[in-house]
């Protein structure tokens, strides 16, 4: 018998316990607001916007009928000439590709280009798999419709988020990843890329997009 087992045995005898309890009592139920910093009865899009903006991400809450206008306006403001899109159902439903072509952008879908060609585009437009309100983070999973480089290589990344995509916090995210899997890769984006490797001076855009803009559909 080890020393720790000997100590536990003596404690049990002192408490009058000669055998393990027949049943283990269930832990008490703890209200969600106590166990989590973010709970489900608050406005997740509003909290996401607040946290994301603090991380230097652009955030716009827009109606479905105005998202294309706002997207095109932003891309032109940033001097974008060429755009690559993920092959998602949402972007197809919104007719994003045709709208960008009409607006004068060189526009290709992910399925139409090679991996190396992604480096030639000024901007990428994608949807997202989930968005975490607690941290203001976008979560994207790579697939044949969405190459991992889309959110990592172009200088500008615009993401369109549906209300159903929001999760309260990281607990929900990791539960969902455990259930559904992470695919070949999962990327979490919390604002533009940043590094402070050189003399502790923060520089954006070194290892990824310099600009990230999230359009939240109302």
N, C-alpha and C. Protein backbone atom coordinates (compact mmCIF):
# COMPACT_ATOMS: atom_id res chain seq x y z
N UNK A 1 0.85 -1.19 0.00
CA UNK A 1 0.00 0.00 0.00
C UNK A 1 0.89 1.25 0.00
N UNK A 2 0.58 2.20 -0.88
CA UNK A 2 1.37 3.43 -0.95
C UNK A 2 1.04 4.33 0.22
N UNK A 3 1.89 5.35 0.39
CA UNK A 3 1.68 6.29 1.50
C UNK A 3 0.34 7.02 1.34
N UNK A 4 0.03 7.45 0.10
CA UNK A 4 -1.22 8.19 -0.12
C UNK A 4 -2.43 7.31 0.15
N UNK A 5 -2.35 6.02 -0.26
CA UNK A 5 -3.46 5.11 0.00
C UNK A 5 -3.62 4.89 1.50
N UNK A 6 -2.50 4.81 2.22
CA UNK A 6 -2.54 4.63 3.67
C UNK A 6 -3.21 5.82 4.34
N UNK A 7 -2.89 7.00 3.89
CA UNK A 7 -3.49 8.22 4.46
C UNK A 7 -4.98 8.23 4.21
N UNK A 8 -5.40 7.91 2.98
CA UNK A 8 -6.82 7.92 2.64
C UNK A 8 -7.58 6.87 3.46
N UNK A 9 -6.95 5.71 3.69
CA UNK A 9 -7.60 4.66 4.49
C UNK A 9 -7.81 5.14 5.92
N UNK A 10 -6.82 5.81 6.50
CA UNK A 10 -6.96 6.30 7.87
C UNK A 10 -8.04 7.38 7.96
N UNK A 11 -8.11 8.22 6.94
CA UNK A 11 -9.15 9.26 6.92
C UNK A 11 -10.52 8.62 6.86
N UNK A 12 -10.68 7.59 6.00
CA UNK A 12 -11.97 6.91 5.87
C UNK A 12 -12.40 6.27 7.19
N UNK A 13 -11.45 5.62 7.88
CA UNK A 13 -11.77 4.98 9.16
C UNK A 13 -12.17 6.02 10.19
N UNK A 14 -11.48 7.16 10.19
CA UNK A 14 -11.81 8.23 11.14
C UNK A 14 -13.21 8.76 10.91
N UNK A 15 -13.66 8.72 9.65
CA UNK A 15 -15.01 9.19 9.31
C UNK A 15 -16.05 8.08 9.44
N UNK A 16 -15.60 6.88 9.84
CA UNK A 16 -16.53 5.78 10.02
C UNK A 16 -16.93 5.11 8.72
N UNK A 17 -16.12 5.25 7.67
CA UNK A 17 -16.46 4.66 6.38
C UNK A 17 -15.59 3.42 6.17
N UNK A 18 -16.23 2.29 6.08
CA UNK A 18 -15.50 1.04 5.90
C UNK A 18 -15.59 0.51 4.47
N UNK A 19 -16.45 1.12 3.64
CA UNK A 19 -16.62 0.68 2.26
C UNK A 19 -17.01 1.88 1.40
N UNK A 20 -16.77 1.79 0.10
CA UNK A 20 -17.18 2.90 -0.78
C UNK A 20 -18.69 3.10 -0.74
N UNK A 21 -19.18 4.32 -0.94
CA UNK A 21 -20.63 4.55 -0.94
C UNK A 21 -21.32 3.78 -2.05
N UNK A 22 -22.52 3.32 -1.77
CA UNK A 22 -23.27 2.53 -2.76
C UNK A 22 -23.60 3.35 -4.00
N UNK A 23 -23.89 4.61 -3.81
CA UNK A 23 -24.19 5.49 -4.94
C UNK A 23 -23.38 6.78 -4.81
N UNK A 24 -23.03 7.32 -5.94
CA UNK A 24 -22.29 8.58 -5.95
C UNK A 24 -23.28 9.72 -6.15
N UNK A 25 -23.31 10.68 -5.24
CA UNK A 25 -24.30 11.76 -5.39
C UNK A 25 -24.04 12.59 -6.65
N UNK A 26 -25.13 13.00 -7.29
CA UNK A 26 -25.01 13.82 -8.50
C UNK A 26 -24.55 15.22 -8.12
N UNK A 27 -23.70 15.82 -8.94
CA UNK A 27 -23.26 17.19 -8.64
C UNK A 27 -24.43 18.16 -8.74
N UNK A 28 -24.40 19.23 -7.99
CA UNK A 28 -25.51 20.19 -8.05
C UNK A 28 -25.57 20.89 -9.40
N UNK A 29 -26.76 21.27 -9.79
CA UNK A 29 -26.95 22.02 -11.04
C UNK A 29 -26.54 23.48 -10.80
N UNK A 30 -25.66 23.99 -11.67
CA UNK A 30 -25.19 25.36 -11.54
C UNK A 30 -25.74 26.18 -12.71
N UNK A 31 -26.30 27.32 -12.41
CA UNK A 31 -26.88 28.16 -13.44
C UNK A 31 -25.84 28.54 -14.49
N UNK A 32 -26.27 28.62 -15.76
CA UNK A 32 -25.37 28.95 -16.86
C UNK A 32 -24.61 30.26 -16.68
N UNK A 33 -25.24 31.35 -16.21
CA UNK A 33 -24.50 32.60 -16.04
C UNK A 33 -23.33 32.51 -15.06
N UNK A 34 -23.36 31.50 -14.18
CA UNK A 34 -22.26 31.33 -13.24
C UNK A 34 -21.12 30.53 -13.86
N UNK A 35 -21.46 29.52 -14.65
CA UNK A 35 -20.43 28.65 -15.23
C UNK A 35 -19.80 29.23 -16.49
N UNK A 36 -20.46 30.20 -17.12
CA UNK A 36 -19.92 30.75 -18.36
C UNK A 36 -19.91 32.28 -18.31
N UNK A 37 -18.92 32.86 -18.97
CA UNK A 37 -18.89 34.32 -19.08
C UNK A 37 -19.92 34.82 -20.08
N UNK A 38 -20.24 33.98 -21.05
CA UNK A 38 -21.22 34.33 -22.08
C UNK A 38 -22.32 33.30 -22.04
N UNK A 39 -23.55 33.72 -21.93
CA UNK A 39 -24.65 32.78 -21.96
C UNK A 39 -25.61 33.12 -23.09
N UNK A 40 -26.56 32.24 -23.32
CA UNK A 40 -27.31 32.27 -24.57
C UNK A 40 -28.42 33.30 -24.64
N UNK A 41 -28.71 34.00 -23.54
CA UNK A 41 -29.85 34.94 -23.58
C UNK A 41 -29.40 36.37 -23.83
N UNK A 42 -28.21 36.55 -24.42
CA UNK A 42 -27.76 37.89 -24.78
C UNK A 42 -27.60 37.97 -26.28
N UNK A 43 -27.40 39.18 -26.80
CA UNK A 43 -27.25 39.36 -28.23
C UNK A 43 -25.87 38.93 -28.70
N UNK A 44 -25.76 37.75 -29.29
CA UNK A 44 -24.46 37.25 -29.71
C UNK A 44 -23.83 38.08 -30.83
N UNK A 45 -24.59 38.50 -31.86
CA UNK A 45 -23.96 39.33 -32.90
C UNK A 45 -23.40 40.63 -32.34
N UNK A 46 -24.12 41.24 -31.41
CA UNK A 46 -23.66 42.51 -30.83
C UNK A 46 -22.39 42.31 -30.00
N UNK A 47 -22.36 41.21 -29.22
CA UNK A 47 -21.17 40.94 -28.42
C UNK A 47 -19.98 40.61 -29.32
N UNK A 48 -20.23 39.82 -30.36
CA UNK A 48 -19.16 39.51 -31.31
C UNK A 48 -18.59 40.79 -31.90
N UNK A 49 -19.46 41.69 -32.34
CA UNK A 49 -19.01 42.94 -32.96
C UNK A 49 -18.13 43.74 -31.99
N UNK A 50 -18.54 43.82 -30.75
CA UNK A 50 -17.78 44.57 -29.75
C UNK A 50 -16.39 43.98 -29.55
N UNK A 51 -16.32 42.65 -29.40
CA UNK A 51 -15.04 41.99 -29.17
C UNK A 51 -14.15 42.04 -30.41
N UNK A 52 -14.75 41.84 -31.59
CA UNK A 52 -13.97 41.84 -32.82
C UNK A 52 -13.40 43.22 -33.13
N UNK A 53 -14.18 44.25 -32.91
CA UNK A 53 -13.70 45.61 -33.17
C UNK A 53 -12.55 45.97 -32.23
N UNK A 54 -12.59 45.44 -31.01
CA UNK A 54 -11.48 45.68 -30.07
C UNK A 54 -10.20 45.03 -30.57
N UNK A 55 -10.32 44.03 -31.44
CA UNK A 55 -9.16 43.34 -32.02
C UNK A 55 -8.81 43.89 -33.40
N UNK A 56 -9.33 45.08 -33.72
CA UNK A 56 -9.01 45.78 -34.97
C UNK A 56 -9.63 45.13 -36.21
N UNK A 57 -10.73 44.43 -36.02
CA UNK A 57 -11.48 43.88 -37.15
C UNK A 57 -12.60 44.86 -37.51
N UNK A 58 -12.82 45.07 -38.81
CA UNK A 58 -13.99 45.83 -39.23
C UNK A 58 -15.23 44.95 -39.09
N UNK A 59 -16.32 45.51 -38.59
CA UNK A 59 -17.56 44.75 -38.47
C UNK A 59 -18.73 45.63 -38.93
N UNK A 60 -19.57 45.07 -39.81
CA UNK A 60 -20.77 45.76 -40.25
C UNK A 60 -21.95 44.82 -40.11
N UNK A 61 -23.01 45.28 -39.47
CA UNK A 61 -24.25 44.51 -39.41
C UNK A 61 -25.16 45.05 -40.51
N UNK A 62 -25.49 44.19 -41.47
CA UNK A 62 -26.19 44.64 -42.67
C UNK A 62 -27.39 43.74 -42.96
N UNK A 63 -28.35 44.32 -43.66
CA UNK A 63 -29.49 43.54 -44.12
C UNK A 63 -29.09 42.77 -45.38
N UNK A 64 -29.78 41.67 -45.63
CA UNK A 64 -29.46 40.80 -46.75
C UNK A 64 -29.42 41.57 -48.07
N UNK A 65 -30.38 42.47 -48.25
CA UNK A 65 -30.50 43.17 -49.52
C UNK A 65 -29.43 44.24 -49.73
N UNK A 66 -28.65 44.57 -48.71
CA UNK A 66 -27.62 45.60 -48.85
C UNK A 66 -26.20 45.07 -48.73
N UNK A 67 -26.04 43.77 -48.47
CA UNK A 67 -24.70 43.26 -48.20
C UNK A 67 -23.78 43.40 -49.42
N UNK A 68 -24.29 43.17 -50.63
CA UNK A 68 -23.45 43.27 -51.82
C UNK A 68 -22.98 44.71 -52.03
N UNK A 69 -23.88 45.66 -51.85
CA UNK A 69 -23.52 47.06 -52.00
C UNK A 69 -22.42 47.45 -51.01
N UNK A 70 -22.58 47.04 -49.74
CA UNK A 70 -21.61 47.38 -48.70
C UNK A 70 -20.27 46.68 -48.96
N UNK A 71 -20.32 45.44 -49.42
CA UNK A 71 -19.11 44.68 -49.71
C UNK A 71 -18.32 45.35 -50.83
N UNK A 72 -19.00 45.68 -51.91
CA UNK A 72 -18.34 46.31 -53.06
C UNK A 72 -17.77 47.67 -52.68
N UNK A 73 -18.53 48.42 -51.91
CA UNK A 73 -18.07 49.73 -51.46
C UNK A 73 -16.78 49.61 -50.64
N UNK A 74 -16.72 48.62 -49.76
CA UNK A 74 -15.54 48.43 -48.93
C UNK A 74 -14.33 48.00 -49.76
N UNK A 75 -14.53 47.07 -50.67
CA UNK A 75 -13.43 46.59 -51.51
C UNK A 75 -12.84 47.71 -52.35
N UNK A 76 -13.70 48.55 -52.89
CA UNK A 76 -13.21 49.69 -53.68
C UNK A 76 -12.47 50.68 -52.80
N UNK A 77 -12.97 50.89 -51.60
CA UNK A 77 -12.31 51.80 -50.66
C UNK A 77 -10.89 51.34 -50.35
N UNK A 78 -10.66 50.02 -50.32
CA UNK A 78 -9.35 49.46 -50.01
C UNK A 78 -8.48 49.28 -51.25
N UNK A 79 -8.96 49.73 -52.40
CA UNK A 79 -8.17 49.65 -53.62
C UNK A 79 -8.04 48.26 -54.20
N UNK A 80 -8.96 47.38 -53.89
CA UNK A 80 -8.93 46.00 -54.37
C UNK A 80 -9.28 45.95 -55.86
N UNK A 81 -8.51 45.15 -56.60
CA UNK A 81 -8.75 44.97 -58.03
C UNK A 81 -9.20 43.53 -58.37
N UNK A 82 -8.72 42.57 -57.57
CA UNK A 82 -9.03 41.17 -57.86
C UNK A 82 -9.49 40.45 -56.60
N UNK A 83 -10.46 39.54 -56.78
CA UNK A 83 -11.09 38.86 -55.64
C UNK A 83 -11.23 37.38 -55.94
N UNK A 84 -10.95 36.54 -54.95
CA UNK A 84 -11.21 35.11 -55.05
C UNK A 84 -12.26 34.74 -54.01
N UNK A 85 -13.17 33.86 -54.39
CA UNK A 85 -14.31 33.50 -53.53
C UNK A 85 -14.27 32.02 -53.17
N UNK A 86 -14.75 31.72 -52.00
CA UNK A 86 -14.98 30.31 -51.68
C UNK A 86 -16.23 29.83 -52.43
N UNK A 87 -16.26 28.54 -52.73
CA UNK A 87 -17.40 27.96 -53.46
C UNK A 87 -18.48 27.54 -52.47
N UNK A 88 -19.07 28.50 -51.78
CA UNK A 88 -20.05 28.18 -50.74
C UNK A 88 -21.47 28.41 -51.22
N UNK A 89 -22.39 27.70 -50.59
CA UNK A 89 -23.81 27.87 -50.93
C UNK A 89 -24.29 29.28 -50.64
N UNK A 90 -23.80 29.85 -49.54
CA UNK A 90 -24.23 31.19 -49.17
C UNK A 90 -23.82 32.22 -50.21
N UNK A 91 -22.56 32.19 -50.64
CA UNK A 91 -22.09 33.16 -51.62
C UNK A 91 -22.80 32.96 -52.96
N UNK A 92 -23.09 31.71 -53.30
CA UNK A 92 -23.84 31.45 -54.54
C UNK A 92 -25.26 31.99 -54.44
N UNK A 93 -25.88 31.79 -53.28
CA UNK A 93 -27.24 32.29 -53.07
C UNK A 93 -27.31 33.81 -53.15
N UNK A 94 -26.28 34.46 -52.62
CA UNK A 94 -26.23 35.92 -52.64
C UNK A 94 -25.79 36.47 -53.99
N UNK A 95 -25.34 35.58 -54.88
CA UNK A 95 -24.88 35.98 -56.22
C UNK A 95 -23.68 36.93 -56.13
N UNK A 96 -22.77 36.64 -55.23
CA UNK A 96 -21.63 37.53 -54.98
C UNK A 96 -20.72 37.62 -56.20
N UNK A 97 -20.44 36.50 -56.83
CA UNK A 97 -19.48 36.50 -57.94
C UNK A 97 -19.94 37.40 -59.08
N UNK A 98 -21.18 37.25 -59.51
CA UNK A 98 -21.68 38.06 -60.61
C UNK A 98 -21.69 39.55 -60.24
N UNK A 99 -22.06 39.85 -58.99
CA UNK A 99 -22.09 41.26 -58.56
C UNK A 99 -20.70 41.87 -58.60
N UNK A 100 -19.68 41.11 -58.20
CA UNK A 100 -18.31 41.62 -58.21
C UNK A 100 -17.80 41.81 -59.64
N UNK A 101 -18.16 40.90 -60.53
CA UNK A 101 -17.74 41.02 -61.93
C UNK A 101 -18.37 42.26 -62.55
N UNK A 102 -19.65 42.47 -62.31
CA UNK A 102 -20.34 43.64 -62.83
C UNK A 102 -19.72 44.92 -62.29
N UNK A 103 -19.27 44.86 -61.03
CA UNK A 103 -18.66 46.03 -60.40
C UNK A 103 -17.24 46.30 -60.89
N UNK A 104 -16.70 45.40 -61.74
CA UNK A 104 -15.40 45.65 -62.34
C UNK A 104 -14.22 44.92 -61.73
N UNK A 105 -14.47 44.02 -60.78
CA UNK A 105 -13.38 43.27 -60.16
C UNK A 105 -13.04 42.03 -60.98
N UNK A 106 -11.76 41.70 -61.07
CA UNK A 106 -11.36 40.39 -61.59
C UNK A 106 -11.73 39.37 -60.53
N UNK A 107 -12.63 38.46 -60.86
CA UNK A 107 -13.21 37.59 -59.84
C UNK A 107 -13.14 36.12 -60.26
N UNK A 108 -12.62 35.29 -59.36
CA UNK A 108 -12.56 33.86 -59.60
C UNK A 108 -13.04 33.11 -58.37
N UNK A 109 -13.55 31.91 -58.58
CA UNK A 109 -13.92 31.03 -57.47
C UNK A 109 -12.72 30.15 -57.12
N UNK A 110 -12.73 29.61 -55.91
CA UNK A 110 -11.64 28.76 -55.45
C UNK A 110 -11.41 27.59 -56.39
N UNK A 111 -12.48 27.01 -56.92
CA UNK A 111 -12.37 25.86 -57.81
C UNK A 111 -11.76 26.20 -59.16
N UNK A 112 -11.63 27.48 -59.47
CA UNK A 112 -11.12 27.90 -60.78
C UNK A 112 -9.62 28.26 -60.76
N UNK A 113 -8.99 28.24 -59.60
CA UNK A 113 -7.60 28.67 -59.52
C UNK A 113 -6.75 27.59 -58.87
N UNK A 114 -5.44 27.74 -59.03
CA UNK A 114 -4.50 26.85 -58.35
C UNK A 114 -4.12 27.45 -57.00
N UNK A 115 -3.45 26.66 -56.19
CA UNK A 115 -3.01 27.14 -54.89
C UNK A 115 -2.06 28.33 -55.05
N UNK A 116 -1.12 28.23 -55.97
CA UNK A 116 -0.17 29.31 -56.18
C UNK A 116 -0.85 30.59 -56.66
N UNK A 117 -1.91 30.44 -57.43
CA UNK A 117 -2.59 31.62 -57.99
C UNK A 117 -3.28 32.45 -56.91
N UNK A 118 -3.54 31.84 -55.74
CA UNK A 118 -4.20 32.59 -54.66
C UNK A 118 -3.37 33.79 -54.22
N UNK A 119 -2.04 33.72 -54.43
CA UNK A 119 -1.16 34.81 -54.04
C UNK A 119 -1.29 36.02 -54.96
N UNK A 120 -1.97 35.86 -56.08
CA UNK A 120 -2.12 36.96 -57.04
C UNK A 120 -3.37 37.80 -56.79
N UNK A 121 -4.19 37.41 -55.81
CA UNK A 121 -5.45 38.12 -55.57
C UNK A 121 -5.31 39.10 -54.40
N UNK A 122 -5.95 40.25 -54.56
CA UNK A 122 -5.89 41.28 -53.51
C UNK A 122 -6.77 40.93 -52.32
N UNK A 123 -7.88 40.24 -52.57
CA UNK A 123 -8.86 40.00 -51.51
C UNK A 123 -9.52 38.65 -51.68
N UNK A 124 -10.02 38.14 -50.56
CA UNK A 124 -10.82 36.92 -50.56
C UNK A 124 -12.14 37.20 -49.86
N UNK A 125 -13.20 36.61 -50.39
CA UNK A 125 -14.52 36.71 -49.76
C UNK A 125 -14.98 35.30 -49.44
N UNK A 126 -15.34 35.07 -48.18
CA UNK A 126 -15.75 33.74 -47.75
C UNK A 126 -16.98 33.84 -46.84
N UNK A 127 -17.60 32.70 -46.62
CA UNK A 127 -18.52 32.61 -45.48
C UNK A 127 -17.71 32.03 -44.33
N UNK A 128 -18.34 31.64 -43.25
CA UNK A 128 -17.62 31.04 -42.13
C UNK A 128 -18.37 29.81 -41.65
N UNK A 129 -17.66 28.94 -40.93
CA UNK A 129 -18.32 27.78 -40.33
C UNK A 129 -19.02 28.19 -39.04
N UNK A 130 -18.33 28.93 -38.18
CA UNK A 130 -18.92 29.45 -36.95
C UNK A 130 -18.26 30.78 -36.61
N UNK A 131 -18.88 31.52 -35.68
CA UNK A 131 -18.29 32.75 -35.14
C UNK A 131 -18.51 32.73 -33.63
N UNK A 132 -17.45 32.96 -32.86
CA UNK A 132 -17.50 32.87 -31.40
C UNK A 132 -17.64 34.26 -30.81
N UNK A 133 -18.77 34.50 -30.14
CA UNK A 133 -19.06 35.83 -29.61
C UNK A 133 -18.10 36.23 -28.50
N UNK A 134 -17.75 35.29 -27.63
CA UNK A 134 -16.91 35.58 -26.46
C UNK A 134 -15.57 36.20 -26.86
N UNK A 135 -14.98 35.70 -27.95
CA UNK A 135 -13.64 36.12 -28.34
C UNK A 135 -13.61 36.97 -29.60
N UNK A 136 -14.77 37.17 -30.24
CA UNK A 136 -14.79 37.91 -31.50
C UNK A 136 -14.01 37.19 -32.59
N UNK A 137 -14.14 35.87 -32.66
CA UNK A 137 -13.35 35.06 -33.58
C UNK A 137 -14.20 34.42 -34.67
N UNK A 138 -13.67 34.42 -35.88
CA UNK A 138 -14.26 33.68 -36.99
C UNK A 138 -13.62 32.30 -37.02
N UNK A 139 -14.42 31.27 -37.32
CA UNK A 139 -13.90 29.91 -37.39
C UNK A 139 -14.21 29.36 -38.78
N UNK A 140 -13.15 28.98 -39.50
CA UNK A 140 -13.29 28.45 -40.85
C UNK A 140 -12.66 27.07 -40.94
N UNK A 141 -13.33 26.16 -41.61
CA UNK A 141 -12.78 24.82 -41.84
C UNK A 141 -12.47 24.66 -43.31
N UNK A 142 -11.29 24.16 -43.61
CA UNK A 142 -10.90 23.97 -45.01
C UNK A 142 -11.66 22.77 -45.59
N UNK A 143 -11.94 22.87 -46.89
CA UNK A 143 -12.66 21.82 -47.60
C UNK A 143 -12.40 22.03 -49.10
N UNK A 144 -12.98 21.20 -49.93
CA UNK A 144 -12.80 21.38 -51.37
C UNK A 144 -13.47 22.66 -51.86
N UNK A 145 -14.45 23.15 -51.09
CA UNK A 145 -15.11 24.42 -51.44
C UNK A 145 -14.37 25.63 -50.88
N UNK A 146 -13.53 25.39 -49.88
CA UNK A 146 -12.87 26.50 -49.19
C UNK A 146 -11.44 26.11 -48.86
N UNK A 147 -10.50 26.56 -49.68
CA UNK A 147 -9.10 26.28 -49.40
C UNK A 147 -8.61 27.08 -48.21
N UNK A 148 -7.72 26.50 -47.43
CA UNK A 148 -7.27 27.15 -46.20
C UNK A 148 -6.56 28.47 -46.47
N UNK A 149 -5.98 28.62 -47.69
CA UNK A 149 -5.21 29.84 -47.97
C UNK A 149 -6.11 31.06 -48.19
N UNK A 150 -7.39 30.84 -48.43
CA UNK A 150 -8.27 31.97 -48.73
C UNK A 150 -8.31 33.00 -47.61
N UNK A 151 -8.27 32.53 -46.38
CA UNK A 151 -8.34 33.46 -45.25
C UNK A 151 -6.96 33.82 -44.72
N UNK A 152 -5.90 33.33 -45.39
CA UNK A 152 -4.54 33.53 -44.88
C UNK A 152 -3.63 34.30 -45.83
N UNK A 153 -3.90 34.25 -47.13
CA UNK A 153 -2.96 34.81 -48.10
C UNK A 153 -3.32 36.20 -48.62
N UNK A 154 -4.53 36.41 -49.17
CA UNK A 154 -4.84 37.75 -49.71
C UNK A 154 -4.75 38.84 -48.64
N UNK A 155 -4.41 40.04 -49.07
CA UNK A 155 -4.20 41.17 -48.17
C UNK A 155 -5.48 41.55 -47.43
N UNK A 156 -6.62 41.38 -48.08
CA UNK A 156 -7.92 41.71 -47.49
C UNK A 156 -8.78 40.45 -47.43
N UNK A 157 -9.41 40.23 -46.28
CA UNK A 157 -10.34 39.11 -46.12
C UNK A 157 -11.69 39.64 -45.67
N UNK A 158 -12.73 39.37 -46.46
CA UNK A 158 -14.09 39.73 -46.09
C UNK A 158 -14.88 38.45 -45.83
N UNK A 159 -15.53 38.40 -44.67
CA UNK A 159 -16.30 37.22 -44.28
C UNK A 159 -17.76 37.60 -44.08
N UNK A 160 -18.66 36.79 -44.60
CA UNK A 160 -20.10 37.02 -44.43
C UNK A 160 -20.63 35.99 -43.44
N UNK A 161 -21.27 36.47 -42.38
CA UNK A 161 -21.70 35.61 -41.27
C UNK A 161 -23.22 35.64 -41.14
N UNK A 162 -23.83 34.47 -41.16
CA UNK A 162 -25.26 34.35 -40.91
C UNK A 162 -25.52 34.26 -39.40
N UNK A 163 -26.68 34.73 -38.93
CA UNK A 163 -26.99 34.66 -37.49
C UNK A 163 -26.87 33.25 -36.91
N UNK A 164 -27.19 32.23 -37.70
CA UNK A 164 -27.14 30.85 -37.20
C UNK A 164 -25.72 30.38 -36.93
N UNK A 165 -24.72 31.11 -37.44
CA UNK A 165 -23.32 30.71 -37.26
C UNK A 165 -22.76 31.04 -35.89
N UNK A 166 -23.45 31.86 -35.09
CA UNK A 166 -22.87 32.33 -33.84
C UNK A 166 -22.93 31.28 -32.74
N UNK A 167 -21.83 31.21 -31.98
CA UNK A 167 -21.75 30.41 -30.77
C UNK A 167 -21.42 31.34 -29.61
N UNK A 168 -21.93 31.06 -28.40
CA UNK A 168 -21.62 31.93 -27.27
C UNK A 168 -20.15 31.98 -26.91
N UNK A 169 -19.51 30.80 -26.75
CA UNK A 169 -18.15 30.81 -26.24
C UNK A 169 -17.35 29.60 -26.73
N UNK A 170 -16.11 29.50 -26.23
CA UNK A 170 -15.21 28.44 -26.65
C UNK A 170 -15.68 27.06 -26.21
N UNK A 171 -16.43 27.00 -25.11
CA UNK A 171 -16.97 25.71 -24.66
C UNK A 171 -17.85 25.12 -25.75
N UNK A 172 -18.73 25.94 -26.31
CA UNK A 172 -19.61 25.47 -27.38
C UNK A 172 -18.81 25.07 -28.61
N UNK A 173 -17.79 25.86 -28.93
CA UNK A 173 -16.99 25.57 -30.13
C UNK A 173 -16.31 24.21 -30.02
N UNK A 174 -15.64 23.95 -28.90
CA UNK A 174 -14.92 22.69 -28.78
C UNK A 174 -15.86 21.50 -28.64
N UNK A 175 -17.03 21.71 -28.07
CA UNK A 175 -18.02 20.63 -28.06
C UNK A 175 -18.44 20.28 -29.48
N UNK A 176 -18.62 21.31 -30.32
CA UNK A 176 -19.04 21.09 -31.70
C UNK A 176 -17.92 20.45 -32.51
N UNK A 177 -16.68 20.89 -32.29
CA UNK A 177 -15.55 20.27 -32.98
C UNK A 177 -15.40 18.81 -32.59
N UNK A 178 -15.64 18.49 -31.32
CA UNK A 178 -15.57 17.10 -30.88
C UNK A 178 -16.64 16.26 -31.55
N UNK A 179 -17.80 16.86 -31.73
CA UNK A 179 -18.93 16.14 -32.32
C UNK A 179 -18.80 16.00 -33.83
N UNK A 180 -18.42 17.08 -34.52
CA UNK A 180 -18.43 17.10 -35.98
C UNK A 180 -17.05 16.95 -36.61
N UNK A 181 -16.00 17.09 -35.82
CA UNK A 181 -14.65 16.99 -36.35
C UNK A 181 -14.14 18.33 -36.86
N UNK A 182 -12.83 18.43 -37.00
CA UNK A 182 -12.22 19.69 -37.42
C UNK A 182 -11.84 19.71 -38.89
N UNK A 183 -12.12 18.63 -39.61
CA UNK A 183 -11.73 18.57 -41.01
C UNK A 183 -10.22 18.49 -41.13
N UNK A 184 -9.69 18.79 -42.32
CA UNK A 184 -8.23 18.73 -42.50
C UNK A 184 -7.54 19.87 -41.78
N UNK A 185 -8.26 20.98 -41.57
CA UNK A 185 -7.72 22.07 -40.75
C UNK A 185 -8.85 23.00 -40.34
N UNK A 186 -8.69 23.64 -39.21
CA UNK A 186 -9.64 24.64 -38.73
C UNK A 186 -8.85 25.89 -38.37
N UNK A 187 -9.29 27.03 -38.89
CA UNK A 187 -8.61 28.29 -38.65
C UNK A 187 -9.50 29.20 -37.82
N UNK A 188 -8.93 29.77 -36.77
CA UNK A 188 -9.64 30.76 -35.96
C UNK A 188 -9.02 32.12 -36.24
N UNK A 189 -9.86 33.09 -36.57
CA UNK A 189 -9.39 34.42 -36.96
C UNK A 189 -9.92 35.44 -35.97
N UNK A 190 -9.02 36.13 -35.30
CA UNK A 190 -9.40 37.18 -34.35
C UNK A 190 -8.72 38.48 -34.77
N UNK A 191 -9.26 39.10 -35.80
CA UNK A 191 -8.69 40.33 -36.32
C UNK A 191 -7.60 40.07 -37.34
N UNK A 192 -6.98 41.13 -37.88
CA UNK A 192 -5.89 40.97 -38.84
C UNK A 192 -4.69 40.32 -38.18
N UNK A 193 -3.83 39.73 -39.01
CA UNK A 193 -2.64 39.07 -38.45
C UNK A 193 -1.73 40.10 -37.78
N UNK A 194 -1.11 39.69 -36.70
CA UNK A 194 -0.24 40.60 -35.94
C UNK A 194 1.01 39.85 -35.48
N UNK A 195 2.11 40.56 -35.46
CA UNK A 195 3.34 40.00 -34.88
C UNK A 195 4.10 41.11 -34.19
N UNK A 196 4.83 40.74 -33.14
CA UNK A 196 5.68 41.70 -32.42
C UNK A 196 7.05 41.08 -32.20
N UNK A 197 7.49 40.29 -33.18
CA UNK A 197 8.75 39.57 -33.05
C UNK A 197 9.96 40.49 -33.01
N UNK A 198 9.87 41.64 -33.69
CA UNK A 198 11.02 42.53 -33.80
C UNK A 198 10.86 43.70 -32.84
N UNK A 199 11.67 43.73 -31.80
CA UNK A 199 11.72 44.82 -30.83
C UNK A 199 10.35 45.11 -30.21
N UNK A 200 9.48 44.09 -30.18
CA UNK A 200 8.17 44.21 -29.54
C UNK A 200 7.29 45.28 -30.18
N UNK A 201 7.55 45.60 -31.44
CA UNK A 201 6.71 46.54 -32.18
C UNK A 201 5.65 45.74 -32.95
N UNK A 202 4.38 46.04 -32.69
CA UNK A 202 3.29 45.29 -33.33
C UNK A 202 3.16 45.71 -34.80
N UNK A 203 3.19 44.72 -35.69
CA UNK A 203 3.03 44.95 -37.12
C UNK A 203 1.91 44.04 -37.61
N UNK A 204 1.01 44.55 -38.43
CA UNK A 204 -0.09 43.74 -38.96
C UNK A 204 0.21 43.33 -40.40
N UNK A 205 -0.39 42.20 -40.79
CA UNK A 205 -0.32 41.77 -42.18
C UNK A 205 0.93 41.03 -42.59
N UNK A 206 1.79 40.64 -41.63
CA UNK A 206 3.02 39.95 -41.99
C UNK A 206 2.76 38.48 -42.32
N UNK A 207 1.93 37.82 -41.53
CA UNK A 207 1.68 36.39 -41.70
C UNK A 207 0.24 36.11 -42.12
N UNK A 208 -0.42 37.07 -42.71
CA UNK A 208 -1.81 36.90 -43.12
C UNK A 208 -2.42 38.23 -43.49
N UNK A 209 -3.74 38.29 -43.59
CA UNK A 209 -4.41 39.52 -44.03
C UNK A 209 -4.09 40.73 -43.16
N UNK A 210 -3.94 41.87 -43.81
CA UNK A 210 -3.76 43.13 -43.10
C UNK A 210 -5.10 43.72 -42.69
N UNK A 211 -6.15 43.31 -43.41
CA UNK A 211 -7.50 43.84 -43.17
C UNK A 211 -8.49 42.68 -43.12
N UNK A 212 -9.30 42.62 -42.08
CA UNK A 212 -10.39 41.64 -41.98
C UNK A 212 -11.69 42.39 -41.72
N UNK A 213 -12.69 42.14 -42.56
CA UNK A 213 -13.99 42.79 -42.41
C UNK A 213 -15.08 41.73 -42.37
N UNK A 214 -15.84 41.73 -41.28
CA UNK A 214 -16.95 40.80 -41.13
C UNK A 214 -18.27 41.51 -41.39
N UNK A 215 -19.06 40.94 -42.31
CA UNK A 215 -20.40 41.44 -42.57
C UNK A 215 -21.40 40.48 -41.94
N UNK A 216 -22.08 40.96 -40.90
CA UNK A 216 -23.05 40.14 -40.19
C UNK A 216 -24.43 40.39 -40.76
N UNK A 217 -25.06 39.35 -41.24
CA UNK A 217 -26.40 39.49 -41.81
C UNK A 217 -27.44 39.60 -40.71
N UNK A 218 -28.31 40.59 -40.82
CA UNK A 218 -29.38 40.77 -39.84
C UNK A 218 -30.56 39.86 -40.16
